[in-house]
N, C-alpha and C. Protein backbone atom coordinates (compact mmCIF):
# COMPACT_ATOMS: atom_id res chain seq x y z
N MET A 1 -13.88 23.88 0.11
CA MET A 1 -14.22 22.93 1.14
C MET A 1 -12.97 22.15 1.54
N ALA A 2 -12.73 22.04 2.82
CA ALA A 2 -11.56 21.34 3.33
C ALA A 2 -11.72 19.83 3.19
N VAL A 3 -10.63 19.17 2.89
CA VAL A 3 -10.64 17.72 2.74
C VAL A 3 -10.50 17.09 4.12
N ASN A 4 -11.34 16.11 4.41
CA ASN A 4 -11.27 15.39 5.67
C ASN A 4 -10.46 14.12 5.43
N TYR A 5 -9.16 14.19 5.72
CA TYR A 5 -8.27 13.07 5.45
C TYR A 5 -8.57 11.87 6.35
N LYS A 6 -9.02 12.14 7.56
CA LYS A 6 -9.38 11.04 8.46
C LYS A 6 -10.55 10.25 7.89
N LYS A 7 -11.56 10.94 7.40
CA LYS A 7 -12.72 10.27 6.81
C LYS A 7 -12.29 9.48 5.57
N SER A 8 -11.43 10.07 4.76
CA SER A 8 -10.94 9.37 3.56
C SER A 8 -10.18 8.11 3.95
N ALA A 9 -9.35 8.20 4.98
CA ALA A 9 -8.60 7.03 5.45
C ALA A 9 -9.56 5.94 5.93
N GLN A 10 -10.61 6.34 6.65
CA GLN A 10 -11.61 5.37 7.13
C GLN A 10 -12.30 4.69 5.95
N GLN A 11 -12.65 5.45 4.93
CA GLN A 11 -13.33 4.90 3.76
C GLN A 11 -12.41 3.93 3.00
N ILE A 12 -11.15 4.29 2.89
CA ILE A 12 -10.19 3.41 2.22
C ILE A 12 -10.03 2.12 3.02
N LEU A 13 -9.88 2.24 4.32
CA LEU A 13 -9.77 1.06 5.17
C LEU A 13 -10.95 0.12 4.99
N GLU A 14 -12.14 0.69 4.98
CA GLU A 14 -13.35 -0.12 4.81
C GLU A 14 -13.34 -0.83 3.45
N ALA A 15 -12.93 -0.12 2.41
CA ALA A 15 -12.96 -0.68 1.06
C ALA A 15 -11.89 -1.75 0.84
N ILE A 16 -10.80 -1.72 1.61
CA ILE A 16 -9.75 -2.73 1.43
C ILE A 16 -9.95 -3.94 2.33
N GLY A 17 -11.04 -3.96 3.06
CA GLY A 17 -11.33 -5.13 3.90
C GLY A 17 -11.00 -4.93 5.36
N GLY A 18 -10.78 -3.69 5.76
CA GLY A 18 -10.52 -3.39 7.17
C GLY A 18 -9.05 -3.49 7.53
N GLU A 19 -8.75 -2.95 8.70
CA GLU A 19 -7.35 -2.92 9.15
C GLU A 19 -6.77 -4.32 9.36
N GLU A 20 -7.63 -5.29 9.66
CA GLU A 20 -7.12 -6.65 9.87
C GLU A 20 -6.66 -7.31 8.56
N ASN A 21 -6.99 -6.71 7.43
CA ASN A 21 -6.55 -7.23 6.14
C ASN A 21 -5.17 -6.67 5.74
N ILE A 22 -4.66 -5.71 6.49
CA ILE A 22 -3.37 -5.10 6.16
C ILE A 22 -2.24 -5.89 6.82
N SER A 23 -1.32 -6.34 6.00
CA SER A 23 -0.11 -6.99 6.50
C SER A 23 0.95 -5.92 6.78
N SER A 24 1.13 -5.00 5.83
CA SER A 24 2.03 -3.87 6.02
C SER A 24 1.60 -2.73 5.10
N ALA A 25 2.06 -1.52 5.43
CA ALA A 25 1.63 -0.34 4.67
C ALA A 25 2.70 0.74 4.71
N THR A 26 2.85 1.38 3.56
CA THR A 26 3.73 2.55 3.45
C THR A 26 3.17 3.42 2.33
N HIS A 27 3.93 4.41 1.91
CA HIS A 27 3.50 5.22 0.76
C HIS A 27 4.72 5.76 0.04
N CYS A 28 4.51 6.10 -1.21
CA CYS A 28 5.54 6.81 -1.97
C CYS A 28 4.99 8.21 -2.22
N VAL A 29 5.43 8.86 -3.24
CA VAL A 29 5.01 10.24 -3.50
C VAL A 29 3.53 10.35 -3.85
N THR A 30 2.99 9.34 -4.54
CA THR A 30 1.61 9.45 -5.02
C THR A 30 0.69 8.31 -4.59
N ARG A 31 1.25 7.22 -4.04
CA ARG A 31 0.42 6.03 -3.80
C ARG A 31 0.58 5.46 -2.41
N LEU A 32 -0.53 4.92 -1.89
CA LEU A 32 -0.46 4.05 -0.72
C LEU A 32 0.03 2.71 -1.24
N ARG A 33 0.97 2.11 -0.55
CA ARG A 33 1.51 0.80 -0.93
C ARG A 33 1.17 -0.16 0.19
N LEU A 34 0.26 -1.09 -0.10
CA LEU A 34 -0.26 -1.99 0.91
C LEU A 34 0.04 -3.44 0.56
N VAL A 35 0.48 -4.20 1.54
CA VAL A 35 0.54 -5.65 1.39
C VAL A 35 -0.66 -6.16 2.19
N LEU A 36 -1.57 -6.80 1.48
CA LEU A 36 -2.81 -7.26 2.10
C LEU A 36 -2.77 -8.77 2.30
N HIS A 37 -3.45 -9.22 3.33
CA HIS A 37 -3.55 -10.66 3.56
C HIS A 37 -4.37 -11.31 2.45
N ASP A 38 -5.44 -10.63 2.02
CA ASP A 38 -6.33 -11.21 1.01
C ASP A 38 -6.87 -10.09 0.11
N GLU A 39 -6.30 -9.97 -1.09
CA GLU A 39 -6.73 -8.92 -2.02
C GLU A 39 -8.16 -9.13 -2.51
N ASP A 40 -8.68 -10.35 -2.37
CA ASP A 40 -10.06 -10.62 -2.78
C ASP A 40 -11.07 -9.88 -1.89
N GLN A 41 -10.63 -9.42 -0.72
CA GLN A 41 -11.52 -8.67 0.17
C GLN A 41 -11.69 -7.21 -0.27
N VAL A 42 -10.87 -6.75 -1.20
CA VAL A 42 -10.92 -5.36 -1.63
C VAL A 42 -12.14 -5.13 -2.52
N ASP A 43 -12.90 -4.10 -2.18
CA ASP A 43 -14.03 -3.68 -3.00
C ASP A 43 -13.50 -2.56 -3.91
N THR A 44 -12.93 -2.97 -5.04
CA THR A 44 -12.27 -2.03 -5.95
C THR A 44 -13.23 -0.97 -6.46
N LYS A 45 -14.44 -1.37 -6.77
CA LYS A 45 -15.43 -0.41 -7.28
C LYS A 45 -15.71 0.68 -6.25
N LYS A 46 -15.89 0.27 -4.99
CA LYS A 46 -16.14 1.23 -3.91
C LYS A 46 -14.91 2.11 -3.70
N LEU A 47 -13.73 1.49 -3.71
CA LEU A 47 -12.48 2.22 -3.49
C LEU A 47 -12.27 3.28 -4.57
N GLU A 48 -12.46 2.90 -5.82
CA GLU A 48 -12.22 3.84 -6.92
C GLU A 48 -13.32 4.89 -7.06
N SER A 49 -14.43 4.71 -6.34
CA SER A 49 -15.49 5.72 -6.36
C SER A 49 -15.23 6.85 -5.36
N LEU A 50 -14.25 6.66 -4.47
CA LEU A 50 -13.94 7.69 -3.47
C LEU A 50 -13.29 8.90 -4.15
N ASP A 51 -13.64 10.09 -3.69
CA ASP A 51 -13.16 11.33 -4.31
C ASP A 51 -11.65 11.42 -4.43
N LEU A 52 -10.91 11.04 -3.39
CA LEU A 52 -9.46 11.20 -3.42
C LEU A 52 -8.74 10.12 -4.21
N VAL A 53 -9.40 9.01 -4.48
CA VAL A 53 -8.74 7.88 -5.15
C VAL A 53 -8.75 8.08 -6.66
N LYS A 54 -7.56 8.09 -7.23
CA LYS A 54 -7.40 8.29 -8.68
C LYS A 54 -7.33 6.97 -9.43
N GLY A 55 -7.08 5.88 -8.72
CA GLY A 55 -7.00 4.56 -9.33
C GLY A 55 -6.34 3.57 -8.39
N THR A 56 -6.36 2.29 -8.78
CA THR A 56 -5.74 1.24 -7.99
C THR A 56 -5.11 0.22 -8.92
N PHE A 57 -4.13 -0.51 -8.42
CA PHE A 57 -3.58 -1.64 -9.14
C PHE A 57 -2.79 -2.50 -8.18
N SER A 58 -2.52 -3.72 -8.61
CA SER A 58 -1.75 -4.66 -7.81
C SER A 58 -0.52 -5.07 -8.60
N ALA A 59 0.65 -4.99 -7.95
CA ALA A 59 1.90 -5.37 -8.60
C ALA A 59 2.91 -5.81 -7.57
N ASN A 60 3.61 -6.88 -7.88
CA ASN A 60 4.70 -7.36 -7.02
C ASN A 60 4.29 -7.58 -5.57
N GLY A 61 3.10 -8.09 -5.37
CA GLY A 61 2.63 -8.39 -4.02
C GLY A 61 2.10 -7.19 -3.26
N GLN A 62 2.05 -6.04 -3.92
CA GLN A 62 1.54 -4.82 -3.27
C GLN A 62 0.26 -4.36 -3.96
N PHE A 63 -0.72 -3.98 -3.15
CA PHE A 63 -1.93 -3.36 -3.67
C PHE A 63 -1.71 -1.86 -3.51
N GLN A 64 -1.78 -1.12 -4.61
CA GLN A 64 -1.46 0.30 -4.57
C GLN A 64 -2.68 1.15 -4.87
N VAL A 65 -2.86 2.17 -4.05
CA VAL A 65 -3.98 3.10 -4.20
C VAL A 65 -3.39 4.45 -4.58
N ILE A 66 -3.74 4.93 -5.77
CA ILE A 66 -3.20 6.20 -6.27
C ILE A 66 -4.04 7.35 -5.70
N LEU A 67 -3.35 8.22 -4.96
CA LEU A 67 -4.03 9.37 -4.35
C LEU A 67 -3.48 10.70 -4.86
N GLY A 68 -2.22 10.74 -5.18
CA GLY A 68 -1.62 11.97 -5.68
C GLY A 68 -0.67 12.60 -4.69
N ASN A 69 0.21 13.41 -5.23
CA ASN A 69 1.22 14.13 -4.46
C ASN A 69 0.56 15.11 -3.49
N GLY A 70 1.03 15.14 -2.26
CA GLY A 70 0.50 16.08 -1.27
C GLY A 70 -0.74 15.56 -0.57
N VAL A 71 -1.33 14.50 -1.06
CA VAL A 71 -2.52 13.91 -0.45
C VAL A 71 -2.16 12.61 0.25
N VAL A 72 -1.37 11.79 -0.42
CA VAL A 72 -1.09 10.44 0.08
C VAL A 72 -0.47 10.45 1.47
N ASP A 73 0.46 11.37 1.73
CA ASP A 73 1.10 11.38 3.04
C ASP A 73 0.11 11.72 4.15
N LYS A 74 -0.84 12.58 3.87
CA LYS A 74 -1.84 12.95 4.88
C LYS A 74 -2.81 11.80 5.16
N VAL A 75 -3.24 11.13 4.09
CA VAL A 75 -4.13 9.98 4.25
C VAL A 75 -3.40 8.86 4.98
N TYR A 76 -2.14 8.62 4.62
CA TYR A 76 -1.35 7.57 5.25
C TYR A 76 -1.20 7.82 6.75
N LYS A 77 -0.89 9.03 7.14
CA LYS A 77 -0.75 9.36 8.57
C LYS A 77 -2.05 9.11 9.32
N GLU A 78 -3.17 9.49 8.71
CA GLU A 78 -4.47 9.25 9.34
C GLU A 78 -4.76 7.75 9.43
N MET A 79 -4.40 7.01 8.39
CA MET A 79 -4.63 5.57 8.39
C MET A 79 -3.81 4.90 9.50
N MET A 80 -2.56 5.32 9.66
CA MET A 80 -1.72 4.75 10.71
C MET A 80 -2.27 5.10 12.09
N ALA A 81 -2.79 6.31 12.24
CA ALA A 81 -3.38 6.70 13.52
C ALA A 81 -4.64 5.88 13.81
N LEU A 82 -5.47 5.66 12.80
CA LEU A 82 -6.70 4.89 12.98
C LEU A 82 -6.42 3.43 13.33
N THR A 83 -5.38 2.87 12.75
CA THR A 83 -5.08 1.46 12.97
C THR A 83 -4.13 1.22 14.14
N GLY A 84 -3.51 2.29 14.63
CA GLY A 84 -2.56 2.13 15.73
C GLY A 84 -1.23 1.53 15.28
N ARG A 85 -1.01 1.52 13.98
CA ARG A 85 0.24 0.97 13.43
C ARG A 85 1.33 2.03 13.42
N GLU A 86 2.57 1.56 13.46
CA GLU A 86 3.70 2.45 13.27
C GLU A 86 3.96 2.59 11.78
N GLU A 87 4.45 3.74 11.37
CA GLU A 87 4.78 3.96 9.97
C GLU A 87 5.89 3.01 9.57
N GLN A 88 5.82 2.53 8.34
CA GLN A 88 6.81 1.59 7.82
C GLN A 88 7.51 2.19 6.61
N SER A 89 8.72 1.70 6.36
CA SER A 89 9.47 2.16 5.20
C SER A 89 9.07 1.36 3.96
N LYS A 90 9.46 1.86 2.80
CA LYS A 90 9.21 1.13 1.56
C LYS A 90 9.93 -0.22 1.57
N ASP A 91 11.12 -0.24 2.14
CA ASP A 91 11.87 -1.51 2.22
C ASP A 91 11.15 -2.54 3.08
N ASP A 92 10.55 -2.09 4.20
CA ASP A 92 9.78 -3.01 5.05
C ASP A 92 8.64 -3.64 4.27
N VAL A 93 7.94 -2.82 3.51
CA VAL A 93 6.78 -3.30 2.76
C VAL A 93 7.23 -4.20 1.60
N LYS A 94 8.33 -3.84 0.95
CA LYS A 94 8.85 -4.68 -0.14
C LYS A 94 9.23 -6.07 0.38
N GLU A 95 9.84 -6.12 1.56
CA GLU A 95 10.20 -7.41 2.15
C GLU A 95 8.96 -8.24 2.44
N GLU A 96 7.94 -7.61 2.96
CA GLU A 96 6.68 -8.30 3.26
C GLU A 96 6.03 -8.79 1.96
N ALA A 97 6.04 -7.95 0.94
CA ALA A 97 5.45 -8.32 -0.35
C ALA A 97 6.21 -9.47 -0.99
N ALA A 98 7.52 -9.48 -0.81
CA ALA A 98 8.34 -10.54 -1.42
C ALA A 98 7.98 -11.91 -0.87
N LYS A 99 7.51 -11.96 0.36
CA LYS A 99 7.11 -13.23 0.97
C LYS A 99 5.89 -13.82 0.29
N LYS A 100 5.11 -12.97 -0.38
CA LYS A 100 3.89 -13.43 -1.03
C LYS A 100 4.13 -13.99 -2.42
N GLY A 101 5.28 -13.74 -3.00
CA GLY A 101 5.55 -14.18 -4.36
C GLY A 101 5.68 -15.68 -4.48
N ASN A 102 5.55 -16.17 -5.69
CA ASN A 102 5.74 -17.60 -5.91
C ASN A 102 7.24 -17.89 -5.85
N PRO A 103 7.64 -19.18 -5.82
CA PRO A 103 9.06 -19.52 -5.68
C PRO A 103 9.96 -18.89 -6.75
N LEU A 104 9.49 -18.82 -7.99
CA LEU A 104 10.29 -18.21 -9.04
C LEU A 104 10.50 -16.72 -8.78
N GLN A 105 9.44 -16.02 -8.38
CA GLN A 105 9.57 -14.59 -8.08
C GLN A 105 10.52 -14.36 -6.92
N ARG A 106 10.45 -15.21 -5.91
CA ARG A 106 11.35 -15.05 -4.76
C ARG A 106 12.79 -15.31 -5.16
N ALA A 107 13.04 -16.30 -6.04
CA ALA A 107 14.40 -16.59 -6.51
C ALA A 107 14.95 -15.43 -7.33
N ILE A 108 14.13 -14.85 -8.18
CA ILE A 108 14.56 -13.70 -8.98
C ILE A 108 14.91 -12.53 -8.07
N LYS A 109 14.12 -12.32 -7.03
CA LYS A 109 14.40 -11.23 -6.09
C LYS A 109 15.74 -11.44 -5.40
N VAL A 110 16.04 -12.68 -5.00
CA VAL A 110 17.32 -12.98 -4.36
C VAL A 110 18.46 -12.64 -5.31
N LEU A 111 18.35 -13.05 -6.56
CA LEU A 111 19.39 -12.73 -7.54
C LEU A 111 19.52 -11.23 -7.76
N ALA A 112 18.40 -10.56 -7.86
CA ALA A 112 18.44 -9.10 -8.03
C ALA A 112 19.11 -8.42 -6.85
N ASP A 113 18.81 -8.90 -5.64
CA ASP A 113 19.42 -8.32 -4.44
C ASP A 113 20.93 -8.51 -4.43
N VAL A 114 21.40 -9.60 -5.01
CA VAL A 114 22.83 -9.88 -5.05
C VAL A 114 23.53 -8.99 -6.09
N PHE A 115 22.92 -8.83 -7.26
CA PHE A 115 23.60 -8.18 -8.37
C PHE A 115 23.28 -6.71 -8.58
N ILE A 116 22.18 -6.22 -8.00
CA ILE A 116 21.81 -4.82 -8.18
C ILE A 116 21.99 -4.08 -6.87
N PRO A 117 22.83 -3.05 -6.85
CA PRO A 117 23.04 -2.28 -5.62
C PRO A 117 21.72 -1.72 -5.10
N SER A 118 21.58 -1.72 -3.78
CA SER A 118 20.31 -1.29 -3.16
C SER A 118 19.96 0.15 -3.54
N CYS A 119 20.93 1.00 -3.82
CA CYS A 119 20.63 2.38 -4.18
C CYS A 119 19.97 2.48 -5.54
N LEU A 120 20.03 1.42 -6.37
CA LEU A 120 19.43 1.45 -7.70
C LEU A 120 18.05 0.79 -7.71
N ARG A 121 17.71 0.02 -6.66
CA ARG A 121 16.41 -0.66 -6.63
C ARG A 121 15.33 0.31 -6.21
N LEU A 122 14.14 0.15 -6.81
CA LEU A 122 13.00 0.99 -6.44
C LEU A 122 12.22 0.37 -5.33
């Protein structure tokens, strides 16, 4: 049976609180990386019950949805098409996520940016 990536993207959007809850979005090899306006709007139980979703977690201001290699890029493209958003880079999303951190986290990020070459940062 063929996977309907558009339907999966719609289901994920609904579970994260809709497209209006997305501040920025990108993906890596296995995960959607989302900066959300309000993570309390996420229905984690519903999200993790979806067939393509392998798990979720929140770290460093990003809500991440684990989909797996070869799946995440297809779901991401469908999500961007559904929302009318342009694709964003990981750096764009990291910058957006950094704005959400507390003052100490933001200060540490500034120091890290000064002392760690950008090619070594994830």
